[in-house]
C-alpha atoms as a PDB file:
ATOM      1  CA  MET A   1      93.804 100.876 114.628  1.00  0.00           C
ATOM      2  CA  GLU A   2      91.663 101.885 111.672  1.00  0.00           C
ATOM      3  CA  ILE A   3      93.452 101.783 108.315  1.00  0.00           C
ATOM      4  CA  GLN A   4      93.381 105.063 106.409  1.00  0.00           C
ATOM      5  CA  TYR A   5      93.163 104.908 102.635  1.00  0.00           C
ATOM      6  CA  LYS A   6      93.628 108.593 101.799  1.00  0.00           C
ATOM      7  CA  SER A   7      96.858 110.508 102.133  1.00  0.00           C
ATOM      8  CA  THR A   8      97.876 114.041 101.238  1.00  0.00           C
ATOM      9  CA  ILE A   9     100.962 113.813  99.073  1.00  0.00           C
ATOM     10  CA  THR A  10     103.238 116.866  98.992  1.00  0.00           C
ATOM     11  CA  CYS A  11     105.696 117.616  96.204  1.00  0.00           C
ATOM     12  CA  PRO A  12     109.133 118.393  97.663  1.00  0.00           C
ATOM     13  CA  GLN A  13     109.991 120.459  94.573  1.00  0.00           C
ATOM     14  CA  CYS A  14     107.151 123.008  94.573  1.00  0.00           C
ATOM     15  CA  GLY A  15     105.151 122.303  97.747  1.00  0.00           C
ATOM     16  CA  PHE A  16     101.903 121.480  95.931  1.00  0.00           C
ATOM     17  CA  ASN A  17      99.798 118.960  97.809  1.00  0.00           C
ATOM     18  CA  LYS A  18      96.773 116.886  96.955  1.00  0.00           C
ATOM     19  CA  GLU A  19      94.738 114.243  98.745  1.00  0.00           C
ATOM     20  CA  GLU A  20      94.914 110.907  96.931  1.00  0.00           C
ATOM     21  CA  THR A  21      93.445 107.457  97.503  1.00  0.00           C
ATOM     22  CA  MET A  22      96.212 104.927  98.061  1.00  0.00           C
ATOM     23  CA  PRO A  23      96.260 101.525  96.369  1.00  0.00           C
ATOM     24  CA  THR A  24      95.646  98.704  98.822  1.00  0.00           C
ATOM     25  CA  ASP A  25      97.187  95.852  96.849  1.00  0.00           C
ATOM     26  CA  ALA A  26     100.309  97.360  95.245  1.00  0.00           C
ATOM     27  CA  CYS A  27     103.060  99.874  95.818  1.00  0.00           C
ATOM     28  CA  GLN A  28     102.969 103.140  93.942  1.00  0.00           C
ATOM     29  CA  PHE A  29     106.531 103.791  92.829  1.00  0.00           C
ATOM     30  CA  PHE A  30     105.915 106.948  90.796  1.00  0.00           C
ATOM     31  CA  TYR A  31     103.713 110.011  91.199  1.00  0.00           C
ATOM     32  CA  GLU A  32     103.670 113.042  88.900  1.00  0.00           C
ATOM     33  CA  CYS A  33     103.013 116.413  90.527  1.00  0.00           C
ATOM     34  CA  GLU A  34     100.094 118.169  88.846  1.00  0.00           C
ATOM     35  CA  LYS A  35     101.665 121.603  89.301  1.00  0.00           C
ATOM     36  CA  CYS A  36     105.334 121.250  88.314  1.00  0.00           C
ATOM     37  CA  ASN A  37     105.296 117.804  86.625  1.00  0.00           C
ATOM     38  CA  THR A  38     108.107 116.485  88.828  1.00  0.00           C
ATOM     39  CA  VAL A  39     108.002 112.697  88.972  1.00  0.00           C
ATOM     40  CA  LEU A  40     108.339 111.583  92.582  1.00  0.00           C
ATOM     41  CA  LYS A  41     110.000 108.285  93.471  1.00  0.00           C
ATOM     42  CA  PRO A  42     110.250 106.691  96.932  1.00  0.00           C
ATOM     43  CA  LYS A  43     113.150 107.792  99.116  1.00  0.00           C
ATOM     44  CA  GLN A  44     115.719 105.141  99.918  1.00  0.00           C
ATOM     45  CA  GLY A  45     114.293 102.754 102.505  1.00  0.00           C
ATOM     46  CA  ASP A  46     110.643 103.593 101.738  1.00  0.00           C
ATOM     47  CA  CYS A  47     108.408 101.226  99.785  1.00  0.00           C
ATOM     48  CA  CYS A  48     106.307 103.805  97.919  1.00  0.00           C
ATOM     49  CA  VAL A  49     105.732 107.505  97.284  1.00  0.00           C
ATOM     50  CA  PHE A  50     103.060 107.669 100.007  1.00  0.00           C
ATOM     51  CA  CYS A  51     105.543 106.463 102.630  1.00  0.00           C
ATOM     52  CA  SER A  52     108.014 109.127 101.447  1.00  0.00           C
ATOM     53  CA  TYR A  53     105.809 112.135 100.670  1.00  0.00           C
ATOM     54  CA  GLY A  54     102.352 111.389 102.063  1.00  0.00           C
ATOM     55  CA  SER A  55     100.704 112.493 105.280  1.00  0.00           C
ATOM     56  CA  VAL A  56      99.807 108.840 105.945  1.00  0.00           C
ATOM     57  CA  LYS A  57     101.908 105.775 105.157  1.00  0.00           C
ATOM     58  CA  CYS A  58     100.476 103.174 102.761  1.00  0.00           C
ATOM     59  CA  PRO A  59      97.919 100.618 104.050  1.00  0.00           C
ATOM     60  CA  PRO A  60     100.377  97.668 104.241  1.00  0.00           C
ATOM     61  CA  GLU A  61     102.818  99.763 106.301  1.00  0.00           C
ATOM     62  CA  GLN A  62      99.957 100.890 108.556  1.00  0.00           C
ATOM     63  CA  LYS A  63      99.185  97.212 109.169  1.00  0.00           C
ATOM     64  CA  GLY A  64     102.837  96.547 110.035  1.00  0.00           C
ATOM     65  CA  ASN A  65     103.552  94.594 106.863  1.00  0.00           C
ATOM     66  CA  SER A  66     106.130  95.310 104.236  1.00  0.00           C
ATOM     67  CA  CYS A  67     104.500  96.830 101.171  1.00  0.00           C
ATOM     68  CA  CYS A  68     106.708  95.118  98.606  1.00  0.00           C
END
């Protein structure tokens, strides 16, 4: 399985989405929506905002490892 490093993150507040490059060596706990300025945080049980709101889970999760 090829690891993907880009994910489209979608704001649950306003629906705005944007493709972002995910960090490969750290979790991203916060993400600010460019449109409505809502600060996204991971949902309970998810390690980062990409696992909660992205089209692709973070690279460590794709590999089957825990991100944090």
